[in-house]
Amino acid sequence: MIKMLHSGWAYITLLVLIFAVVNVVIGLTSKKEFKDKDLRISLFTLIVAHLQLIIGFIAFFVSAQFAYVLDNGMGAAMKEPEIRLIVLEHPLMMILAIAAITVGFSKHKRQTTDNGKFKTIALYYGIALIFVLSRIPWSQWLSF
């Protein structure tokens, strides 16, 4: 149940993150004014990503891969690429992605120009998107 929720919410999270990145890139390239709509899109992305993190933590600790680590040790898990992805690479990159989103949202508030706000969010949310795309367990996720 929790794995399905985590996988389903991941689609929403990814779509919202892509939408936020596209929105700020359009704002940056067309030199638009940073409006409440842009703030809300960025904030909504932050909230959705943090909810995904909480769901992911729960899913992690009840997963078969985590049970495998408890039974066989981390050394054995590192030798299995599929298990290593789920217990180390995916969680680490997703935590880094959400940290980048959080830092980007916080730093954009200190910017005094619209261009600076768009640029800050574009940079940090763009990095987060790359992190997310790099470590989605595609083989499991697409079979959802």
N, C-alpha and C. Protein backbone atom coordinates (compact mmCIF):
# COMPACT_ATOMS: atom_id res chain seq x y z
N MET A 1 0.81 -1.20 0.00
CA MET A 1 0.00 0.00 0.00
C MET A 1 0.86 1.26 0.00
N ILE A 2 1.83 1.32 0.93
CA ILE A 2 2.68 2.52 1.04
C ILE A 2 3.57 2.65 -0.19
N LYS A 3 4.01 1.51 -0.75
CA LYS A 3 4.83 1.56 -1.96
C LYS A 3 4.03 2.12 -3.13
N MET A 4 2.76 1.73 -3.22
CA MET A 4 1.91 2.25 -4.29
C MET A 4 1.68 3.75 -4.11
N LEU A 5 1.48 4.17 -2.87
CA LEU A 5 1.31 5.60 -2.59
C LEU A 5 2.58 6.37 -2.96
N HIS A 6 3.73 5.81 -2.57
CA HIS A 6 5.01 6.46 -2.88
C HIS A 6 5.21 6.55 -4.40
N SER A 7 4.91 5.48 -5.11
CA SER A 7 5.07 5.47 -6.56
C SER A 7 4.08 6.40 -7.24
N GLY A 8 2.84 6.38 -6.79
CA GLY A 8 1.83 7.25 -7.38
C GLY A 8 2.11 8.72 -7.13
N TRP A 9 2.49 9.04 -5.90
CA TRP A 9 2.80 10.43 -5.55
C TRP A 9 4.06 10.89 -6.29
N ALA A 10 4.93 9.96 -6.63
CA ALA A 10 6.15 10.30 -7.37
C ALA A 10 5.82 10.88 -8.74
N TYR A 11 4.78 10.35 -9.39
CA TYR A 11 4.36 10.91 -10.67
C TYR A 11 3.96 12.37 -10.50
N ILE A 12 3.18 12.63 -9.47
CA ILE A 12 2.74 14.00 -9.19
C ILE A 12 3.94 14.89 -8.89
N THR A 13 4.82 14.40 -8.05
CA THR A 13 6.01 15.17 -7.67
C THR A 13 6.86 15.50 -8.88
N LEU A 14 7.10 14.52 -9.73
CA LEU A 14 7.91 14.75 -10.92
C LEU A 14 7.25 15.75 -11.86
N LEU A 15 5.96 15.60 -12.08
CA LEU A 15 5.26 16.53 -12.96
C LEU A 15 5.26 17.96 -12.41
N VAL A 16 5.05 18.10 -11.12
CA VAL A 16 5.05 19.43 -10.50
C VAL A 16 6.45 20.05 -10.57
N LEU A 17 7.48 19.24 -10.33
CA LEU A 17 8.85 19.74 -10.41
C LEU A 17 9.20 20.18 -11.83
N ILE A 18 8.82 19.38 -12.81
CA ILE A 18 9.06 19.76 -14.21
C ILE A 18 8.32 21.05 -14.53
N PHE A 19 7.07 21.15 -14.11
CA PHE A 19 6.28 22.34 -14.35
C PHE A 19 6.94 23.57 -13.71
N ALA A 20 7.43 23.42 -12.48
CA ALA A 20 8.09 24.55 -11.79
C ALA A 20 9.35 24.98 -12.52
N VAL A 21 10.14 24.02 -12.98
CA VAL A 21 11.37 24.35 -13.70
C VAL A 21 11.05 25.04 -15.02
N VAL A 22 10.09 24.51 -15.75
CA VAL A 22 9.69 25.14 -17.02
C VAL A 22 9.17 26.55 -16.77
N ASN A 23 8.37 26.72 -15.72
CA ASN A 23 7.81 28.03 -15.39
C ASN A 23 8.91 29.06 -15.12
N VAL A 24 9.92 28.69 -14.32
CA VAL A 24 10.96 29.66 -14.00
C VAL A 24 11.90 29.90 -15.18
N VAL A 25 12.11 28.89 -16.00
CA VAL A 25 12.95 29.08 -17.19
C VAL A 25 12.25 30.03 -18.16
N ILE A 26 10.94 29.86 -18.32
CA ILE A 26 10.19 30.79 -19.18
C ILE A 26 10.25 32.20 -18.60
N GLY A 27 10.05 32.32 -17.29
CA GLY A 27 10.12 33.63 -16.64
C GLY A 27 11.49 34.27 -16.78
N LEU A 28 12.52 33.45 -16.67
CA LEU A 28 13.89 33.95 -16.77
C LEU A 28 14.22 34.39 -18.19
N THR A 29 13.88 33.56 -19.15
CA THR A 29 14.24 33.88 -20.54
C THR A 29 13.41 35.01 -21.13
N SER A 30 12.17 35.15 -20.68
CA SER A 30 11.33 36.21 -21.23
C SER A 30 11.33 37.46 -20.35
N LYS A 31 12.19 37.44 -19.32
CA LYS A 31 12.37 38.59 -18.43
C LYS A 31 11.04 39.09 -17.86
N LYS A 32 10.23 38.14 -17.40
CA LYS A 32 8.95 38.48 -16.80
C LYS A 32 9.13 38.97 -15.37
N GLU A 33 8.06 39.53 -14.85
CA GLU A 33 8.02 39.93 -13.45
C GLU A 33 7.70 38.68 -12.62
N PHE A 34 8.39 38.53 -11.49
CA PHE A 34 8.15 37.40 -10.59
C PHE A 34 6.88 37.70 -9.79
N LYS A 35 5.82 36.97 -10.10
CA LYS A 35 4.51 37.26 -9.52
C LYS A 35 4.14 36.22 -8.47
N ASP A 36 3.01 36.44 -7.82
CA ASP A 36 2.51 35.50 -6.81
C ASP A 36 2.33 34.10 -7.39
N LYS A 37 1.91 34.01 -8.64
CA LYS A 37 1.73 32.73 -9.31
C LYS A 37 3.05 31.95 -9.31
N ASP A 38 4.14 32.62 -9.60
CA ASP A 38 5.46 31.97 -9.63
C ASP A 38 5.87 31.51 -8.24
N LEU A 39 5.58 32.34 -7.26
CA LEU A 39 5.87 31.98 -5.87
C LEU A 39 5.06 30.76 -5.46
N ARG A 40 3.79 30.75 -5.81
CA ARG A 40 2.92 29.63 -5.43
C ARG A 40 3.32 28.33 -6.11
N ILE A 41 3.71 28.41 -7.35
CA ILE A 41 4.17 27.20 -8.06
C ILE A 41 5.41 26.64 -7.37
N SER A 42 6.35 27.51 -7.03
CA SER A 42 7.57 27.08 -6.37
C SER A 42 7.28 26.52 -4.98
N LEU A 43 6.40 27.17 -4.26
CA LEU A 43 6.03 26.71 -2.91
C LEU A 43 5.28 25.38 -2.98
N PHE A 44 4.36 25.24 -3.93
CA PHE A 44 3.62 23.99 -4.09
C PHE A 44 4.59 22.85 -4.40
N THR A 45 5.57 23.12 -5.22
CA THR A 45 6.59 22.11 -5.54
C THR A 45 7.34 21.71 -4.29
N LEU A 46 7.70 22.67 -3.48
CA LEU A 46 8.39 22.40 -2.21
C LEU A 46 7.53 21.50 -1.32
N ILE A 47 6.26 21.82 -1.18
CA ILE A 47 5.37 21.05 -0.32
C ILE A 47 5.18 19.62 -0.84
N VAL A 48 4.92 19.50 -2.14
CA VAL A 48 4.72 18.18 -2.75
C VAL A 48 5.98 17.32 -2.57
N ALA A 49 7.15 17.92 -2.76
CA ALA A 49 8.41 17.18 -2.62
C ALA A 49 8.63 16.72 -1.18
N HIS A 50 8.30 17.57 -0.23
CA HIS A 50 8.48 17.19 1.17
C HIS A 50 7.50 16.09 1.58
N LEU A 51 6.29 16.14 1.07
CA LEU A 51 5.35 15.04 1.33
C LEU A 51 5.87 13.73 0.75
N GLN A 52 6.43 13.82 -0.45
CA GLN A 52 7.01 12.62 -1.07
C GLN A 52 8.15 12.07 -0.22
N LEU A 53 8.93 12.95 0.35
CA LEU A 53 10.04 12.51 1.21
C LEU A 53 9.50 11.75 2.42
N ILE A 54 8.48 12.27 3.05
CA ILE A 54 7.90 11.61 4.22
C ILE A 54 7.34 10.24 3.85
N ILE A 55 6.60 10.18 2.75
CA ILE A 55 6.07 8.90 2.27
C ILE A 55 7.21 7.96 1.94
N GLY A 56 8.27 8.50 1.33
CA GLY A 56 9.43 7.68 0.97
C GLY A 56 10.14 7.11 2.18
N PHE A 57 10.27 7.88 3.24
CA PHE A 57 10.89 7.36 4.47
C PHE A 57 10.09 6.18 5.02
N ILE A 58 8.78 6.31 5.04
CA ILE A 58 7.94 5.21 5.52
C ILE A 58 8.10 3.99 4.62
N ALA A 59 8.03 4.22 3.31
CA ALA A 59 8.17 3.12 2.35
C ALA A 59 9.53 2.44 2.48
N PHE A 60 10.56 3.23 2.73
CA PHE A 60 11.92 2.68 2.86
C PHE A 60 12.00 1.69 4.01
N PHE A 61 11.47 2.07 5.17
CA PHE A 61 11.63 1.24 6.35
C PHE A 61 10.73 0.02 6.38
N VAL A 62 9.75 -0.06 5.51
CA VAL A 62 8.92 -1.26 5.43
C VAL A 62 9.20 -2.07 4.17
N SER A 63 10.23 -1.68 3.41
CA SER A 63 10.52 -2.35 2.14
C SER A 63 11.26 -3.67 2.34
N ALA A 64 11.12 -4.51 1.34
CA ALA A 64 11.84 -5.79 1.34
C ALA A 64 13.35 -5.56 1.24
N GLN A 65 13.75 -4.51 0.54
CA GLN A 65 15.18 -4.22 0.41
C GLN A 65 15.79 -3.83 1.75
N PHE A 66 15.05 -3.06 2.55
CA PHE A 66 15.54 -2.70 3.88
C PHE A 66 15.64 -3.96 4.75
N ALA A 67 14.67 -4.85 4.64
CA ALA A 67 14.72 -6.11 5.37
C ALA A 67 15.94 -6.93 4.93
N TYR A 68 16.24 -6.90 3.65
CA TYR A 68 17.43 -7.59 3.13
C TYR A 68 18.69 -7.05 3.79
N VAL A 69 18.79 -5.73 3.91
CA VAL A 69 19.96 -5.11 4.55
C VAL A 69 20.05 -5.53 6.00
N LEU A 70 18.93 -5.56 6.69
CA LEU A 70 18.93 -5.98 8.10
C LEU A 70 19.38 -7.42 8.24
N ASP A 71 18.95 -8.28 7.32
CA ASP A 71 19.28 -9.70 7.40
C ASP A 71 20.70 -10.01 6.93
N ASN A 72 21.16 -9.32 5.89
CA ASN A 72 22.43 -9.68 5.25
C ASN A 72 23.54 -8.66 5.40
N GLY A 73 23.24 -7.48 5.88
CA GLY A 73 24.24 -6.44 6.05
C GLY A 73 24.35 -5.55 4.82
N MET A 74 24.92 -4.40 5.05
CA MET A 74 25.04 -3.41 3.98
C MET A 74 26.04 -3.86 2.91
N GLY A 75 27.07 -4.59 3.30
CA GLY A 75 28.05 -5.08 2.33
C GLY A 75 27.42 -5.96 1.27
N ALA A 76 26.53 -6.83 1.69
CA ALA A 76 25.84 -7.71 0.74
C ALA A 76 24.92 -6.88 -0.15
N ALA A 77 24.27 -5.89 0.42
CA ALA A 77 23.36 -5.04 -0.36
C ALA A 77 24.11 -4.26 -1.42
N MET A 78 25.33 -3.84 -1.12
CA MET A 78 26.11 -3.06 -2.08
C MET A 78 26.54 -3.89 -3.29
N LYS A 79 26.56 -5.20 -3.15
CA LYS A 79 26.93 -6.08 -4.26
C LYS A 79 25.76 -6.35 -5.20
N GLU A 80 24.56 -6.02 -4.77
CA GLU A 80 23.36 -6.22 -5.58
C GLU A 80 22.90 -4.87 -6.14
N PRO A 81 23.11 -4.61 -7.44
CA PRO A 81 22.79 -3.29 -8.00
C PRO A 81 21.35 -2.82 -7.75
N GLU A 82 20.39 -3.73 -7.86
CA GLU A 82 18.98 -3.37 -7.67
C GLU A 82 18.71 -2.97 -6.22
N ILE A 83 19.29 -3.69 -5.30
CA ILE A 83 19.10 -3.38 -3.87
C ILE A 83 19.86 -2.12 -3.51
N ARG A 84 21.08 -1.97 -4.03
CA ARG A 84 21.87 -0.76 -3.76
C ARG A 84 21.14 0.50 -4.23
N LEU A 85 20.50 0.40 -5.39
CA LEU A 85 19.73 1.53 -5.90
C LEU A 85 18.63 1.93 -4.92
N ILE A 86 17.91 0.95 -4.40
CA ILE A 86 16.76 1.23 -3.53
C ILE A 86 17.18 1.66 -2.13
N VAL A 87 18.23 1.07 -1.58
CA VAL A 87 18.58 1.39 -0.18
C VAL A 87 19.62 2.49 -0.03
N LEU A 88 20.32 2.85 -1.09
CA LEU A 88 21.35 3.87 -0.96
C LEU A 88 21.21 4.99 -2.00
N GLU A 89 21.32 4.63 -3.26
CA GLU A 89 21.40 5.65 -4.31
C GLU A 89 20.11 6.47 -4.44
N HIS A 90 18.97 5.80 -4.51
CA HIS A 90 17.70 6.50 -4.65
C HIS A 90 17.41 7.41 -3.45
N PRO A 91 17.47 6.89 -2.22
CA PRO A 91 17.18 7.77 -1.08
C PRO A 91 18.16 8.94 -0.97
N LEU A 92 19.42 8.69 -1.19
CA LEU A 92 20.43 9.75 -1.07
C LEU A 92 20.19 10.86 -2.09
N MET A 93 19.96 10.48 -3.33
CA MET A 93 19.75 11.50 -4.37
C MET A 93 18.43 12.24 -4.17
N MET A 94 17.41 11.55 -3.69
CA MET A 94 16.13 12.23 -3.46
C MET A 94 16.23 13.21 -2.28
N ILE A 95 16.98 12.83 -1.25
CA ILE A 95 17.21 13.75 -0.13
C ILE A 95 17.99 14.97 -0.61
N LEU A 96 19.00 14.75 -1.43
CA LEU A 96 19.77 15.87 -1.99
C LEU A 96 18.89 16.75 -2.88
N ALA A 97 18.01 16.12 -3.66
CA ALA A 97 17.10 16.88 -4.53
C ALA A 97 16.17 17.76 -3.69
N ILE A 98 15.61 17.20 -2.65
CA ILE A 98 14.68 17.97 -1.81
C ILE A 98 15.44 19.04 -1.03
N ALA A 99 16.67 18.75 -0.65
CA ALA A 99 17.49 19.79 -0.02
C ALA A 99 17.73 20.94 -1.00
N ALA A 100 18.00 20.61 -2.26
CA ALA A 100 18.22 21.65 -3.27
C ALA A 100 16.96 22.48 -3.47
N ILE A 101 15.81 21.84 -3.50
CA ILE A 101 14.54 22.57 -3.64
C ILE A 101 14.35 23.51 -2.44
N THR A 102 14.62 23.00 -1.26
CA THR A 102 14.45 23.80 -0.04
C THR A 102 15.40 24.99 -0.03
N VAL A 103 16.66 24.76 -0.36
CA VAL A 103 17.64 25.84 -0.39
C VAL A 103 17.27 26.86 -1.47
N GLY A 104 16.88 26.38 -2.63
CA GLY A 104 16.49 27.28 -3.71
C GLY A 104 15.31 28.15 -3.35
N PHE A 105 14.31 27.57 -2.70
CA PHE A 105 13.15 28.35 -2.30
C PHE A 105 13.54 29.39 -1.25
N SER A 106 14.38 28.98 -0.31
CA SER A 106 14.81 29.92 0.73
C SER A 106 15.66 31.05 0.16
N LYS A 107 16.58 30.71 -0.72
CA LYS A 107 17.48 31.72 -1.29
C LYS A 107 16.77 32.69 -2.23
N HIS A 108 15.72 32.23 -2.89
CA HIS A 108 15.04 33.13 -3.83
C HIS A 108 14.41 34.30 -3.09
N LYS A 109 14.05 34.09 -1.83
CA LYS A 109 13.41 35.15 -1.04
C LYS A 109 14.37 36.30 -0.76
N ARG A 110 15.66 36.03 -0.77
CA ARG A 110 16.66 37.06 -0.50
C ARG A 110 17.01 37.88 -1.74
N GLN A 111 16.57 37.40 -2.89
CA GLN A 111 16.87 38.10 -4.14
C GLN A 111 16.00 39.35 -4.24
N THR A 112 16.58 40.41 -4.73
CA THR A 112 15.84 41.69 -4.82
C THR A 112 15.28 41.94 -6.22
N THR A 113 15.75 41.21 -7.21
CA THR A 113 15.26 41.41 -8.57
C THR A 113 14.44 40.21 -9.02
N ASP A 114 13.55 40.43 -9.95
CA ASP A 114 12.76 39.33 -10.51
C ASP A 114 13.66 38.33 -11.21
N ASN A 115 14.63 38.83 -11.96
CA ASN A 115 15.58 37.96 -12.65
C ASN A 115 16.35 37.09 -11.65
N GLY A 116 16.76 37.69 -10.54
CA GLY A 116 17.48 36.94 -9.51
C GLY A 116 16.62 35.85 -8.90
N LYS A 117 15.34 36.14 -8.68
CA LYS A 117 14.43 35.13 -8.12
C LYS A 117 14.27 33.97 -9.09
N PHE A 118 14.00 34.28 -10.37
CA PHE A 118 13.86 33.23 -11.37
C PHE A 118 15.14 32.42 -11.51
N LYS A 119 16.26 33.11 -11.52
CA LYS A 119 17.55 32.43 -11.71
C LYS A 119 17.85 31.48 -10.55
N THR A 120 17.59 31.93 -9.33
CA THR A 120 17.87 31.10 -8.16
C THR A 120 17.01 29.85 -8.16
N ILE A 121 15.72 30.02 -8.40
CA ILE A 121 14.84 28.85 -8.41
C ILE A 121 15.18 27.94 -9.59
N ALA A 122 15.47 28.51 -10.75
CA ALA A 122 15.83 27.70 -11.91
C ALA A 122 17.06 26.85 -11.63
N LEU A 123 18.05 27.44 -11.00
CA LEU A 123 19.28 26.71 -10.70
C LEU A 123 19.03 25.55 -9.74
N TYR A 124 18.44 25.85 -8.60
CA TYR A 124 18.28 24.83 -7.56
C TYR A 124 17.23 23.78 -7.92
N TYR A 125 16.11 24.22 -8.48
CA TYR A 125 15.08 23.27 -8.88
C TYR A 125 15.56 22.45 -10.08
N GLY A 126 16.35 23.06 -10.96
CA GLY A 126 16.91 22.32 -12.09
C GLY A 126 17.87 21.24 -11.64
N ILE A 127 18.71 21.57 -10.67
CA ILE A 127 19.62 20.57 -10.10
C ILE A 127 18.81 19.45 -9.45
N ALA A 128 17.77 19.82 -8.73
CA ALA A 128 16.91 18.82 -8.09
C ALA A 128 16.28 17.90 -9.14
N LEU A 129 15.83 18.46 -10.23
CA LEU A 129 15.23 17.65 -11.29
C LEU A 129 16.24 16.67 -11.87
N ILE A 130 17.45 17.11 -12.07
CA ILE A 130 18.50 16.20 -12.57
C ILE A 130 18.76 15.09 -11.57
N PHE A 131 18.84 15.42 -10.28
CA PHE A 131 19.04 14.40 -9.24
C PHE A 131 17.90 13.38 -9.25
N VAL A 132 16.68 13.87 -9.32
CA VAL A 132 15.52 12.99 -9.31
C VAL A 132 15.54 12.06 -10.52
N LEU A 133 15.74 12.62 -11.70
CA LEU A 133 15.73 11.80 -12.91
C LEU A 133 16.88 10.79 -12.94
N SER A 134 17.98 11.12 -12.28
CA SER A 134 19.14 10.23 -12.31
C SER A 134 18.95 8.97 -11.49
N ARG A 135 18.10 9.00 -10.49
CA ARG A 135 17.99 7.85 -9.61
C ARG A 135 16.57 7.36 -9.35
N ILE A 136 15.67 7.62 -10.28
CA ILE A 136 14.36 6.97 -10.20
C ILE A 136 14.58 5.50 -10.53
N PRO A 137 14.05 4.59 -9.73
CA PRO A 137 14.18 3.16 -10.07
C PRO A 137 13.22 2.82 -11.22
N TRP A 138 13.64 3.18 -12.43
CA TRP A 138 12.77 3.11 -13.60
C TRP A 138 12.15 1.74 -13.80
N SER A 139 12.91 0.69 -13.59
CA SER A 139 12.39 -0.67 -13.85
C SER A 139 11.20 -0.98 -12.94
N GLN A 140 11.25 -0.53 -11.70
CA GLN A 140 10.14 -0.76 -10.77
C GLN A 140 9.04 0.28 -10.95
N TRP A 141 9.45 1.50 -11.21
CA TRP A 141 8.51 2.60 -11.23
C TRP A 141 7.56 2.52 -12.42
N LEU A 142 8.09 2.16 -13.57
CA LEU A 142 7.26 2.09 -14.76
C LEU A 142 6.36 0.86 -14.78
N SER A 143 6.65 -0.12 -13.94
CA SER A 143 5.78 -1.30 -13.87
C SER A 143 4.65 -1.11 -12.87
N PHE A 144 4.61 0.06 -12.24
CA PHE A 144 3.56 0.41 -11.27
C PHE A 144 2.26 0.44 -11.97
